[in-house]
Amino acid sequence: RKQLEGKPENIMDNILKGKINKFYSQICFVEQGFVKEDKVSITDFVAEKAKEIGDTISIKRYVRYQLGT
């Protein structure tokens, strides 16, 4: 909140949008970075591969692995 004090409204909107996008990119699976190329989101990677094969691809399920405790 201190970051927003005294800022113009349009700047506050941009800051909040950035924070929301960052939150979703960490929480939502399809918005997270692809494991082999973290600059590309899962959504973008799937869309790129679908374009390559000329068909649609949809994610039906996924598995989460965790090492250690």
Protein backbone atom coordinates (compact mmCIF):
# COMPACT_ATOMS: atom_id res chain seq x y z
CA ARG A 1 0.00 0.00 0.00
CA LYS A 2 2.89 2.34 0.63
CA GLN A 3 3.93 1.78 -2.96
CA LEU A 4 0.60 3.26 -4.14
CA GLU A 5 0.58 6.36 -1.92
CA GLY A 6 0.67 9.62 -3.84
CA LYS A 7 0.62 7.95 -7.27
CA PRO A 8 -1.71 9.08 -10.07
CA GLU A 9 -4.67 6.78 -10.66
CA ASN A 10 -3.44 5.50 -14.04
CA ILE A 11 -0.09 4.53 -12.48
CA MET A 12 -1.89 2.80 -9.58
CA ASP A 13 -3.96 0.81 -12.10
CA ASN A 14 -0.81 -0.34 -13.91
CA ILE A 15 0.89 -1.34 -10.65
CA LEU A 16 -2.16 -3.33 -9.53
CA LYS A 17 -2.52 -5.04 -12.93
CA GLY A 18 1.15 -6.02 -12.77
CA LYS A 19 0.77 -7.45 -9.27
CA ILE A 20 -2.34 -9.42 -10.28
CA ASN A 21 -0.61 -10.80 -13.40
CA LYS A 22 2.42 -11.82 -11.35
CA PHE A 23 0.15 -13.56 -8.82
CA TYR A 24 -1.66 -15.54 -11.54
CA SER A 25 1.59 -16.45 -13.27
CA GLN A 26 2.73 -18.11 -10.04
CA ILE A 27 -0.57 -19.73 -9.03
CA CYS A 28 -2.37 -20.78 -12.25
CA PHE A 29 -0.85 -23.81 -13.96
CA VAL A 30 -1.44 -22.64 -17.52
CA GLU A 31 0.07 -19.23 -16.75
CA GLN A 32 3.25 -20.68 -15.23
CA GLY A 33 6.48 -20.91 -17.18
CA PHE A 34 7.10 -24.05 -19.19
CA VAL A 35 9.59 -26.27 -17.35
CA LYS A 36 12.11 -26.40 -20.21
CA GLU A 37 11.73 -22.76 -21.25
CA ASP A 38 10.45 -20.62 -18.37
CA LYS A 39 10.07 -17.46 -20.49
CA VAL A 40 7.17 -19.17 -22.29
CA SER A 41 3.91 -19.88 -20.44
CA ILE A 42 2.18 -23.26 -20.65
CA THR A 43 -0.64 -21.61 -22.61
CA ASP A 44 1.78 -20.17 -25.17
CA PHE A 45 3.70 -23.45 -25.46
CA VAL A 46 0.52 -25.47 -26.06
CA ALA A 47 -0.71 -22.93 -28.62
CA GLU A 48 2.64 -23.06 -30.44
CA LYS A 49 2.60 -26.87 -30.59
CA ALA A 50 -1.04 -26.89 -31.73
CA LYS A 51 -0.12 -24.53 -34.56
CA GLU A 52 2.82 -26.78 -35.54
CA ILE A 53 0.61 -29.86 -35.85
CA GLY A 54 -2.37 -27.97 -37.29
CA ASP A 55 -4.85 -29.14 -34.68
CA THR A 56 -6.13 -28.13 -31.26
CA ILE A 57 -4.55 -29.30 -28.04
CA SER A 58 -6.29 -29.22 -24.68
CA ILE A 59 -4.90 -30.09 -21.28
CA LYS A 60 -7.09 -32.76 -19.72
CA ARG A 61 -5.00 -33.44 -16.63
CA TYR A 62 -1.55 -33.00 -15.20
CA VAL A 63 0.61 -34.52 -12.48
CA ARG A 64 2.52 -32.55 -9.88
CA TYR A 65 5.77 -33.99 -8.54
CA GLN A 66 7.49 -32.71 -5.43
CA LEU A 67 10.98 -33.61 -4.30
CA GLY A 68 11.74 -33.61 -0.58
CA THR A 69 9.38 -32.40 2.09
